[in-house]
Amino acid sequence: MSDYYDAFEMSPVPDAGPDTVPPEPFRGIYAMPAFVTIPTTDLAASVEFWVRGLGFIELFGIPGSVVHLRRWAFQDVLLVPAARVAARAPAMSVSFSCVLSQVDPIAAACRELRPDSVDGPADTPWNTRDITVITPENARIVITGAKPFDQTSAQARDFAAVGINAPGVNRDDNGHRA
């Protein structure tokens, strides 16, 4: 028996591909393994941006206390009231996965709401296309969509050179990362 565990079977993120359909927002209640808490001086304006721009849903809210937002399972954000927020976005960011076909529409929706809020899209060395969005609360949010992976590409060779093999190729060689 191998120590290898295919964690992709529990992830809501679908395989990358040109026809990949994003999962619906997850409306179930679970014990959140991780979440982001973001202070805001205007809950209503923040909710509007996160819902209309970033594609989250309002899972629930407690008036004047918290609004719980979600996209896919394990993509949870709590907006909480604050007297003030940082004047500038910090260097730190939080990333949320999407499918590649969602990157440009999310960028357009955010730009419609706040014209200077989006940087990108840009392709990364780790095979994603990303946008960076500065929200009304000055949070730095990265929306990242996986690009289809070509196992014969220079990128695949670069990954293999550092010991990361493509899915299904020499699976046992990745066992030490499991």
N, C-alpha and C. Protein backbone atom coordinates (compact mmCIF):
# COMPACT_ATOMS: atom_id res chain seq x y z
N MET A 1 0.84 -1.19 0.00
CA MET A 1 0.00 0.00 0.00
C MET A 1 0.88 1.24 0.00
N SER A 2 0.47 2.23 -0.73
CA SER A 2 1.24 3.46 -0.87
C SER A 2 0.78 4.50 0.14
N ASP A 3 1.69 5.38 0.50
CA ASP A 3 1.35 6.52 1.36
C ASP A 3 0.68 7.62 0.56
N TYR A 4 0.62 7.46 -0.75
CA TYR A 4 0.08 8.49 -1.62
C TYR A 4 -1.43 8.60 -1.45
N TYR A 5 -1.92 9.81 -1.28
CA TYR A 5 -3.35 10.07 -1.18
C TYR A 5 -3.70 11.11 -2.23
N ASP A 6 -4.63 10.80 -3.09
CA ASP A 6 -5.03 11.72 -4.14
C ASP A 6 -6.01 12.74 -3.59
N ALA A 7 -5.49 13.84 -3.07
CA ALA A 7 -6.32 14.86 -2.44
C ALA A 7 -7.24 15.56 -3.43
N PHE A 8 -7.00 15.40 -4.72
CA PHE A 8 -7.87 16.03 -5.71
C PHE A 8 -9.29 15.49 -5.63
N GLU A 9 -9.48 14.31 -5.09
CA GLU A 9 -10.83 13.75 -5.02
C GLU A 9 -11.71 14.48 -4.02
N MET A 10 -11.15 15.30 -3.13
CA MET A 10 -11.96 16.05 -2.19
C MET A 10 -12.04 17.53 -2.54
N SER A 11 -11.36 17.95 -3.58
CA SER A 11 -11.32 19.35 -3.97
C SER A 11 -12.51 19.70 -4.86
N PRO A 12 -13.10 20.88 -4.68
CA PRO A 12 -14.18 21.31 -5.58
C PRO A 12 -13.65 21.84 -6.91
N VAL A 13 -12.33 21.98 -7.05
CA VAL A 13 -11.75 22.54 -8.26
C VAL A 13 -11.72 21.48 -9.35
N PRO A 14 -12.40 21.73 -10.48
CA PRO A 14 -12.43 20.74 -11.56
C PRO A 14 -11.11 20.72 -12.33
N ASP A 15 -10.88 19.64 -13.07
CA ASP A 15 -9.70 19.55 -13.93
C ASP A 15 -9.74 20.68 -14.96
N ALA A 16 -8.56 21.21 -15.28
CA ALA A 16 -8.47 22.29 -16.26
C ALA A 16 -8.71 21.74 -17.66
N GLY A 17 -9.43 22.50 -18.45
CA GLY A 17 -9.68 22.12 -19.83
C GLY A 17 -10.50 23.19 -20.51
N PRO A 18 -10.52 23.18 -21.83
CA PRO A 18 -11.22 24.25 -22.55
C PRO A 18 -12.73 24.27 -22.32
N ASP A 19 -13.32 23.12 -21.97
CA ASP A 19 -14.77 23.06 -21.78
C ASP A 19 -15.14 22.86 -20.31
N THR A 20 -14.22 23.14 -19.40
CA THR A 20 -14.48 22.93 -17.98
C THR A 20 -15.61 23.83 -17.50
N VAL A 21 -16.55 23.23 -16.82
CA VAL A 21 -17.69 23.96 -16.26
C VAL A 21 -17.43 24.16 -14.77
N PRO A 22 -17.56 25.39 -14.29
CA PRO A 22 -17.33 25.62 -12.86
C PRO A 22 -18.43 24.99 -12.01
N PRO A 23 -18.08 24.55 -10.81
CA PRO A 23 -19.12 24.05 -9.91
C PRO A 23 -20.02 25.20 -9.47
N GLU A 24 -21.22 24.87 -9.06
CA GLU A 24 -22.12 25.87 -8.50
C GLU A 24 -21.60 26.30 -7.13
N PRO A 25 -21.97 27.49 -6.67
CA PRO A 25 -21.61 27.85 -5.30
C PRO A 25 -22.15 26.80 -4.33
N PHE A 26 -21.37 26.51 -3.31
CA PHE A 26 -21.75 25.48 -2.34
C PHE A 26 -22.51 26.14 -1.20
N ARG A 27 -23.74 25.73 -0.97
CA ARG A 27 -24.60 26.37 0.02
C ARG A 27 -24.71 25.57 1.32
N GLY A 28 -24.02 24.44 1.41
CA GLY A 28 -24.08 23.62 2.61
C GLY A 28 -23.31 24.25 3.77
N ILE A 29 -23.61 23.78 4.96
CA ILE A 29 -22.91 24.25 6.16
C ILE A 29 -21.92 23.16 6.57
N TYR A 30 -20.69 23.55 6.85
CA TYR A 30 -19.66 22.63 7.28
C TYR A 30 -18.74 23.36 8.25
N ALA A 31 -17.93 22.60 8.97
CA ALA A 31 -16.91 23.19 9.83
C ALA A 31 -15.80 23.68 8.90
N MET A 32 -15.63 24.98 8.80
CA MET A 32 -14.69 25.56 7.84
C MET A 32 -13.24 25.26 8.25
N PRO A 33 -12.46 24.60 7.37
CA PRO A 33 -11.07 24.33 7.71
C PRO A 33 -10.21 25.58 7.65
N ALA A 34 -10.64 26.57 6.89
CA ALA A 34 -9.94 27.85 6.79
C ALA A 34 -10.92 28.86 6.23
N PHE A 35 -10.75 30.11 6.59
CA PHE A 35 -11.58 31.17 6.03
C PHE A 35 -10.84 32.48 6.22
N VAL A 36 -11.30 33.50 5.51
CA VAL A 36 -10.71 34.82 5.57
C VAL A 36 -11.71 35.76 6.24
N THR A 37 -11.24 36.56 7.17
CA THR A 37 -12.07 37.60 7.80
C THR A 37 -11.57 38.95 7.32
N ILE A 38 -12.48 39.74 6.75
CA ILE A 38 -12.10 41.02 6.16
C ILE A 38 -12.94 42.13 6.79
N PRO A 39 -12.26 43.09 7.45
CA PRO A 39 -12.99 44.22 8.02
C PRO A 39 -13.42 45.20 6.93
N THR A 40 -14.59 45.79 7.12
CA THR A 40 -15.11 46.76 6.16
C THR A 40 -15.84 47.89 6.88
N THR A 41 -15.76 49.06 6.31
CA THR A 41 -16.49 50.20 6.87
C THR A 41 -17.89 50.32 6.26
N ASP A 42 -18.17 49.54 5.21
CA ASP A 42 -19.47 49.59 4.55
C ASP A 42 -19.85 48.18 4.10
N LEU A 43 -20.56 47.46 4.97
CA LEU A 43 -20.94 46.07 4.68
C LEU A 43 -21.71 45.95 3.36
N ALA A 44 -22.66 46.84 3.14
CA ALA A 44 -23.50 46.73 1.93
C ALA A 44 -22.66 46.89 0.66
N ALA A 45 -21.78 47.88 0.63
CA ALA A 45 -20.93 48.10 -0.55
C ALA A 45 -19.96 46.93 -0.74
N SER A 46 -19.45 46.41 0.34
CA SER A 46 -18.53 45.27 0.24
C SER A 46 -19.25 44.04 -0.29
N VAL A 47 -20.43 43.76 0.25
CA VAL A 47 -21.19 42.60 -0.22
C VAL A 47 -21.48 42.75 -1.71
N GLU A 48 -21.90 43.93 -2.15
CA GLU A 48 -22.20 44.15 -3.57
C GLU A 48 -20.98 43.83 -4.44
N PHE A 49 -19.80 44.30 -4.04
CA PHE A 49 -18.60 44.07 -4.84
C PHE A 49 -18.23 42.58 -4.87
N TRP A 50 -18.26 41.93 -3.73
CA TRP A 50 -17.90 40.52 -3.65
C TRP A 50 -18.89 39.65 -4.42
N VAL A 51 -20.18 40.00 -4.39
CA VAL A 51 -21.20 39.21 -5.07
C VAL A 51 -21.21 39.52 -6.57
N ARG A 52 -21.37 40.78 -6.94
CA ARG A 52 -21.48 41.14 -8.35
C ARG A 52 -20.14 41.09 -9.08
N GLY A 53 -19.05 41.41 -8.38
CA GLY A 53 -17.74 41.43 -9.03
C GLY A 53 -17.01 40.10 -8.97
N LEU A 54 -16.87 39.56 -7.78
CA LEU A 54 -16.05 38.36 -7.59
C LEU A 54 -16.83 37.05 -7.68
N GLY A 55 -18.16 37.12 -7.75
CA GLY A 55 -18.96 35.93 -7.96
C GLY A 55 -19.26 35.11 -6.72
N PHE A 56 -19.17 35.72 -5.55
CA PHE A 56 -19.53 35.03 -4.31
C PHE A 56 -21.04 35.10 -4.11
N ILE A 57 -21.55 34.27 -3.22
CA ILE A 57 -22.94 34.36 -2.79
C ILE A 57 -22.94 34.78 -1.33
N GLU A 58 -24.03 35.39 -0.91
CA GLU A 58 -24.20 35.67 0.51
C GLU A 58 -24.83 34.44 1.13
N LEU A 59 -24.03 33.68 1.87
CA LEU A 59 -24.52 32.46 2.50
C LEU A 59 -25.48 32.81 3.63
N PHE A 60 -25.08 33.75 4.47
CA PHE A 60 -25.97 34.30 5.49
C PHE A 60 -25.34 35.55 6.08
N GLY A 61 -26.15 36.30 6.79
CA GLY A 61 -25.66 37.49 7.46
C GLY A 61 -26.35 37.69 8.79
N ILE A 62 -25.64 38.29 9.71
CA ILE A 62 -26.20 38.73 10.98
C ILE A 62 -26.09 40.25 10.95
N PRO A 63 -27.22 40.95 10.81
CA PRO A 63 -27.18 42.40 10.60
C PRO A 63 -26.25 43.12 11.59
N GLY A 64 -25.36 43.92 11.01
CA GLY A 64 -24.44 44.72 11.81
C GLY A 64 -23.28 43.95 12.42
N SER A 65 -23.22 42.61 12.19
CA SER A 65 -22.18 41.80 12.82
C SER A 65 -21.26 41.09 11.83
N VAL A 66 -21.85 40.40 10.86
CA VAL A 66 -21.05 39.60 9.94
C VAL A 66 -21.89 39.25 8.71
N VAL A 67 -21.21 39.14 7.57
CA VAL A 67 -21.81 38.58 6.37
C VAL A 67 -20.86 37.46 5.93
N HIS A 68 -21.43 36.27 5.78
CA HIS A 68 -20.67 35.10 5.36
C HIS A 68 -20.86 34.92 3.86
N LEU A 69 -19.76 35.03 3.11
CA LEU A 69 -19.77 34.88 1.65
C LEU A 69 -19.10 33.58 1.27
N ARG A 70 -19.51 33.04 0.12
CA ARG A 70 -18.87 31.81 -0.36
C ARG A 70 -18.99 31.72 -1.88
N ARG A 71 -17.99 31.09 -2.50
CA ARG A 71 -18.06 30.69 -3.92
C ARG A 71 -18.22 29.18 -3.94
N TRP A 72 -17.11 28.46 -4.05
CA TRP A 72 -17.15 27.01 -4.02
C TRP A 72 -16.93 26.55 -2.60
N ALA A 73 -17.04 25.25 -2.36
CA ALA A 73 -16.73 24.72 -1.04
C ALA A 73 -15.31 25.12 -0.66
N PHE A 74 -15.14 25.51 0.57
CA PHE A 74 -13.85 25.90 1.15
C PHE A 74 -13.36 27.26 0.65
N GLN A 75 -14.21 28.05 0.03
CA GLN A 75 -13.88 29.42 -0.36
C GLN A 75 -14.80 30.35 0.43
N ASP A 76 -14.48 30.51 1.71
CA ASP A 76 -15.32 31.27 2.64
C ASP A 76 -14.66 32.58 3.03
N VAL A 77 -15.48 33.62 3.07
CA VAL A 77 -15.05 34.96 3.49
C VAL A 77 -16.07 35.50 4.48
N LEU A 78 -15.59 36.02 5.58
CA LEU A 78 -16.45 36.72 6.53
C LEU A 78 -16.15 38.20 6.45
N LEU A 79 -17.16 39.00 6.12
CA LEU A 79 -17.03 40.45 6.16
C LEU A 79 -17.55 40.91 7.50
N VAL A 80 -16.75 41.71 8.20
CA VAL A 80 -17.12 42.19 9.53
C VAL A 80 -17.00 43.71 9.58
N PRO A 81 -17.89 44.37 10.33
CA PRO A 81 -17.82 45.84 10.40
C PRO A 81 -16.57 46.30 11.14
N ALA A 82 -16.05 47.44 10.68
CA ALA A 82 -14.86 48.04 11.30
C ALA A 82 -14.99 49.56 11.24
N ALA A 83 -14.38 50.23 12.19
CA ALA A 83 -14.40 51.69 12.20
C ALA A 83 -13.55 52.26 11.06
N ARG A 84 -12.49 51.53 10.69
CA ARG A 84 -11.65 51.97 9.57
C ARG A 84 -10.94 50.74 8.98
N VAL A 85 -10.46 50.91 7.76
CA VAL A 85 -9.68 49.86 7.09
C VAL A 85 -8.36 50.48 6.65
N ALA A 86 -7.43 49.64 6.28
CA ALA A 86 -6.12 50.12 5.83
C ALA A 86 -6.29 51.04 4.63
N ALA A 87 -5.46 52.06 4.57
CA ALA A 87 -5.54 53.03 3.47
C ALA A 87 -5.04 52.43 2.16
N ARG A 88 -4.18 51.42 2.25
CA ARG A 88 -3.64 50.76 1.06
C ARG A 88 -3.71 49.25 1.24
N ALA A 89 -3.76 48.56 0.14
CA ALA A 89 -3.77 47.09 0.20
C ALA A 89 -2.41 46.58 0.67
N PRO A 90 -2.41 45.56 1.51
CA PRO A 90 -1.14 44.99 1.96
C PRO A 90 -0.49 44.17 0.84
N ALA A 91 0.77 43.80 1.02
CA ALA A 91 1.45 42.95 0.05
C ALA A 91 0.85 41.54 0.07
N MET A 92 0.36 41.10 1.23
CA MET A 92 -0.22 39.78 1.35
C MET A 92 -1.51 39.69 0.54
N SER A 93 -1.76 38.50 -0.02
CA SER A 93 -3.00 38.29 -0.77
C SER A 93 -3.61 36.96 -0.36
N VAL A 94 -4.86 36.77 -0.76
CA VAL A 94 -5.51 35.48 -0.64
C VAL A 94 -6.02 35.13 -2.03
N SER A 95 -5.87 33.85 -2.41
CA SER A 95 -6.23 33.41 -3.75
C SER A 95 -7.46 32.51 -3.72
N PHE A 96 -8.29 32.65 -4.73
CA PHE A 96 -9.46 31.82 -4.91
C PHE A 96 -9.41 31.22 -6.31
N SER A 97 -9.59 29.91 -6.40
CA SER A 97 -9.58 29.23 -7.69
C SER A 97 -10.88 29.47 -8.43
N CYS A 98 -10.76 29.48 -9.74
CA CYS A 98 -11.91 29.51 -10.63
C CYS A 98 -11.52 28.66 -11.84
N VAL A 99 -12.41 28.50 -12.78
CA VAL A 99 -12.02 27.85 -14.02
C VAL A 99 -11.56 28.95 -14.98
N LEU A 100 -10.72 28.57 -15.90
CA LEU A 100 -10.06 29.54 -16.78
C LEU A 100 -11.06 30.46 -17.48
N SER A 101 -12.20 29.94 -17.89
CA SER A 101 -13.18 30.76 -18.61
C SER A 101 -13.83 31.82 -17.72
N GLN A 102 -13.61 31.77 -16.41
CA GLN A 102 -14.19 32.78 -15.50
C GLN A 102 -13.27 33.98 -15.27
N VAL A 103 -12.00 33.85 -15.57
CA VAL A 103 -11.04 34.91 -15.23
C VAL A 103 -11.43 36.24 -15.89
N ASP A 104 -11.60 36.25 -17.20
CA ASP A 104 -11.91 37.50 -17.89
C ASP A 104 -13.26 38.10 -17.48
N PRO A 105 -14.33 37.30 -17.36
CA PRO A 105 -15.60 37.89 -16.91
C PRO A 105 -15.53 38.45 -15.48
N ILE A 106 -14.80 37.81 -14.60
CA ILE A 106 -14.65 38.35 -13.24
C ILE A 106 -13.89 39.67 -13.30
N ALA A 107 -12.83 39.73 -14.10
CA ALA A 107 -12.08 40.98 -14.26
C ALA A 107 -12.99 42.09 -14.78
N ALA A 108 -13.79 41.77 -15.78
CA ALA A 108 -14.70 42.78 -16.36
C ALA A 108 -15.73 43.25 -15.35
N ALA A 109 -16.30 42.32 -14.59
CA ALA A 109 -17.31 42.69 -13.59
C ALA A 109 -16.71 43.58 -12.51
N CYS A 110 -15.51 43.25 -12.06
CA CYS A 110 -14.86 44.07 -11.04
C CYS A 110 -14.51 45.45 -11.58
N ARG A 111 -14.03 45.51 -12.83
CA ARG A 111 -13.70 46.81 -13.44
C ARG A 111 -14.95 47.67 -13.63
N GLU A 112 -16.09 47.03 -13.90
CA GLU A 112 -17.33 47.78 -14.04
C GLU A 112 -17.71 48.44 -12.72
N LEU A 113 -17.50 47.73 -11.62
CA LEU A 113 -17.84 48.26 -10.30
C LEU A 113 -16.80 49.24 -9.77
N ARG A 114 -15.53 48.95 -10.02
CA ARG A 114 -14.41 49.79 -9.57
C ARG A 114 -13.36 49.76 -10.67
N PRO A 115 -13.33 50.76 -11.54
CA PRO A 115 -12.48 50.73 -12.75
C PRO A 115 -11.00 50.41 -12.53
N ASP A 116 -10.42 50.85 -11.45
CA ASP A 116 -8.99 50.63 -11.23
C ASP A 116 -8.70 49.49 -10.27
N SER A 117 -9.65 48.57 -10.11
CA SER A 117 -9.50 47.53 -9.08
C SER A 117 -8.75 46.28 -9.54
N VAL A 118 -8.50 46.14 -10.84
CA VAL A 118 -7.97 44.87 -11.36
C VAL A 118 -6.63 45.06 -12.04
N ASP A 119 -5.71 44.15 -11.74
CA ASP A 119 -4.44 44.06 -12.44
C ASP A 119 -4.40 42.70 -13.14
N GLY A 120 -4.14 42.70 -14.42
CA GLY A 120 -4.07 41.45 -15.16
C GLY A 120 -5.21 41.36 -16.14
N PRO A 121 -5.34 40.20 -16.74
CA PRO A 121 -4.80 38.89 -16.38
C PRO A 121 -3.33 38.73 -16.76
N ALA A 122 -2.68 37.82 -16.04
CA ALA A 122 -1.29 37.48 -16.29
C ALA A 122 -1.12 35.97 -16.14
N ASP A 123 -0.30 35.39 -17.01
CA ASP A 123 0.01 33.97 -16.91
C ASP A 123 1.17 33.77 -15.95
N THR A 124 1.10 32.69 -15.17
CA THR A 124 2.12 32.42 -14.16
C THR A 124 2.99 31.23 -14.57
N PRO A 125 4.17 31.10 -13.96
CA PRO A 125 5.02 29.94 -14.24
C PRO A 125 4.42 28.63 -13.73
N TRP A 126 3.42 28.69 -12.86
CA TRP A 126 2.81 27.47 -12.32
C TRP A 126 1.52 27.11 -13.06
N ASN A 127 1.38 27.61 -14.29
CA ASN A 127 0.33 27.18 -15.22
C ASN A 127 -1.06 27.69 -14.89
N THR A 128 -1.15 28.93 -14.42
CA THR A 128 -2.45 29.54 -14.19
C THR A 128 -2.50 30.90 -14.88
N ARG A 129 -3.71 31.39 -15.05
CA ARG A 129 -3.93 32.78 -15.47
C ARG A 129 -4.61 33.45 -14.30
N ASP A 130 -4.03 34.55 -13.84
CA ASP A 130 -4.47 35.21 -12.62
C ASP A 130 -4.84 36.67 -12.87
N ILE A 131 -5.77 37.15 -12.04
CA ILE A 131 -6.00 38.59 -11.90
C ILE A 131 -5.83 38.91 -10.42
N THR A 132 -5.37 40.10 -10.15
CA THR A 132 -5.29 40.59 -8.78
C THR A 132 -6.30 41.72 -8.65
N VAL A 133 -7.15 41.60 -7.65
CA VAL A 133 -8.24 42.55 -7.44
C VAL A 133 -8.06 43.20 -6.07
N ILE A 134 -8.15 44.52 -6.05
CA ILE A 134 -8.16 45.26 -4.78
C ILE A 134 -9.63 45.59 -4.49
N THR A 135 -10.13 45.06 -3.40
CA THR A 135 -11.54 45.22 -3.05
C THR A 135 -11.77 46.57 -2.37
N PRO A 136 -13.04 46.95 -2.14
CA PRO A 136 -13.33 48.21 -1.45
C PRO A 136 -12.69 48.28 -0.06
N GLU A 137 -12.41 47.12 0.54
CA GLU A 137 -11.81 47.08 1.88
C GLU A 137 -10.29 47.11 1.81
N ASN A 138 -9.75 47.25 0.60
CA ASN A 138 -8.31 47.19 0.34
C ASN A 138 -7.71 45.84 0.65
N ALA A 139 -8.48 44.79 0.41
CA ALA A 139 -7.95 43.43 0.47
C ALA A 139 -7.39 43.09 -0.91
N ARG A 140 -6.29 42.37 -0.95
CA ARG A 140 -5.68 41.95 -2.22
C ARG A 140 -6.13 40.51 -2.49
N ILE A 141 -6.98 40.34 -3.50
CA ILE A 141 -7.56 39.05 -3.83
C ILE A 141 -7.02 38.60 -5.19
N VAL A 142 -6.54 37.37 -5.26
CA VAL A 142 -6.09 36.81 -6.53
C VAL A 142 -7.12 35.77 -6.96
N ILE A 143 -7.62 35.95 -8.17
CA ILE A 143 -8.52 34.98 -8.78
C ILE A 143 -7.66 34.21 -9.78
N THR A 144 -7.59 32.90 -9.61
CA THR A 144 -6.64 32.10 -10.38
C THR A 144 -7.33 30.94 -11.08
N GLY A 145 -7.10 30.84 -12.37
CA GLY A 145 -7.67 29.76 -13.17
C GLY A 145 -6.58 28.89 -13.76
N ALA A 146 -6.65 27.59 -13.54
CA ALA A 146 -5.65 26.67 -14.09
C ALA A 146 -5.79 26.57 -15.60
N LYS A 147 -4.65 26.60 -16.27
CA LYS A 147 -4.63 26.40 -17.72
C LYS A 147 -4.46 24.90 -17.99
N PRO A 148 -4.95 24.42 -19.13
CA PRO A 148 -4.73 23.01 -19.47
C PRO A 148 -3.23 22.71 -19.45
N PHE A 149 -2.88 21.52 -18.97
CA PHE A 149 -1.47 21.16 -18.81
C PHE A 149 -1.03 20.26 -19.94
N ASP A 150 -0.01 20.68 -20.65
CA ASP A 150 0.56 19.91 -21.75
C ASP A 150 1.77 19.14 -21.22
N GLN A 151 1.64 17.82 -21.13
CA GLN A 151 2.70 17.00 -20.56
C GLN A 151 3.96 16.97 -21.40
N THR A 152 3.89 17.49 -22.63
CA THR A 152 5.07 17.52 -23.49
C THR A 152 5.70 18.91 -23.56
N SER A 153 5.19 19.85 -22.78
CA SER A 153 5.65 21.24 -22.87
C SER A 153 6.96 21.46 -22.12
N ALA A 154 7.56 22.60 -22.41
CA ALA A 154 8.76 23.02 -21.67
C ALA A 154 8.42 23.18 -20.19
N GLN A 155 7.23 23.65 -19.90
CA GLN A 155 6.80 23.80 -18.52
C GLN A 155 6.78 22.46 -17.80
N ALA A 156 6.27 21.41 -18.47
CA ALA A 156 6.25 20.07 -17.87
C ALA A 156 7.68 19.60 -17.60
N ARG A 157 8.59 19.88 -18.51
CA ARG A 157 10.00 19.50 -18.30
C ARG A 157 10.59 20.29 -17.12
N ASP A 158 10.23 21.57 -17.01
CA ASP A 158 10.72 22.38 -15.88
C ASP A 158 10.21 21.82 -14.56
N PHE A 159 8.92 21.45 -14.52
CA PHE A 159 8.36 20.85 -13.31
C PHE A 159 9.09 19.55 -12.97
N ALA A 160 9.28 18.69 -13.99
CA ALA A 160 9.95 17.40 -13.76
C ALA A 160 11.37 17.62 -13.26
N ALA A 161 12.04 18.67 -13.73
CA ALA A 161 13.42 18.94 -13.31
C ALA A 161 13.52 19.25 -11.82
N VAL A 162 12.42 19.74 -11.22
CA VAL A 162 12.44 20.01 -9.78
C VAL A 162 11.70 18.93 -9.00
N GLY A 163 11.38 17.81 -9.69
CA GLY A 163 10.81 16.66 -9.01
C GLY A 163 9.30 16.61 -8.96
N ILE A 164 8.62 17.42 -9.77
CA ILE A 164 7.15 17.39 -9.80
C ILE A 164 6.73 16.79 -11.14
N ASN A 165 6.14 15.61 -11.08
CA ASN A 165 5.71 14.93 -12.30
C ASN A 165 4.26 15.22 -12.60
N ALA A 166 3.94 15.20 -13.87
CA ALA A 166 2.56 15.43 -14.32
C ALA A 166 1.65 14.36 -13.73
N PRO A 167 0.39 14.69 -13.49
CA PRO A 167 -0.55 13.69 -12.98
C PRO A 167 -0.56 12.45 -13.88
N GLY A 168 -0.49 11.28 -13.25
CA GLY A 168 -0.53 10.03 -13.99
C GLY A 168 0.81 9.59 -14.56
N VAL A 169 1.85 10.42 -14.44
CA VAL A 169 3.17 10.08 -14.94
C VAL A 169 4.07 9.80 -13.74
N ASN A 170 4.57 8.60 -13.63
CA ASN A 170 5.46 8.24 -12.51
C ASN A 170 4.89 8.68 -11.18
N ARG A 171 3.63 8.33 -10.94
CA ARG A 171 2.91 8.77 -9.74
C ARG A 171 3.72 8.51 -8.47
N ASP A 172 4.39 7.36 -8.40
CA ASP A 172 5.14 7.04 -7.18
C ASP A 172 6.26 8.03 -6.91
N ASP A 173 6.74 8.72 -7.96
CA ASP A 173 7.80 9.70 -7.76
C ASP A 173 7.33 10.91 -6.97
N ASN A 174 6.02 11.14 -6.90
CA ASN A 174 5.48 12.26 -6.13
C ASN A 174 5.11 11.85 -4.71
N GLY A 175 5.31 10.60 -4.37
CA GLY A 175 4.87 10.08 -3.07
C GLY A 175 5.42 10.83 -1.89
N HIS A 176 6.64 11.33 -1.99
CA HIS A 176 7.20 12.06 -0.85
C HIS A 176 6.49 13.39 -0.60
N ARG A 177 5.63 13.83 -1.52
CA ARG A 177 4.86 15.07 -1.33
C ARG A 177 3.48 14.79 -0.75
N ALA A 178 3.10 13.51 -0.68
CA ALA A 178 1.76 13.15 -0.23
C ALA A 178 1.61 13.39 1.26
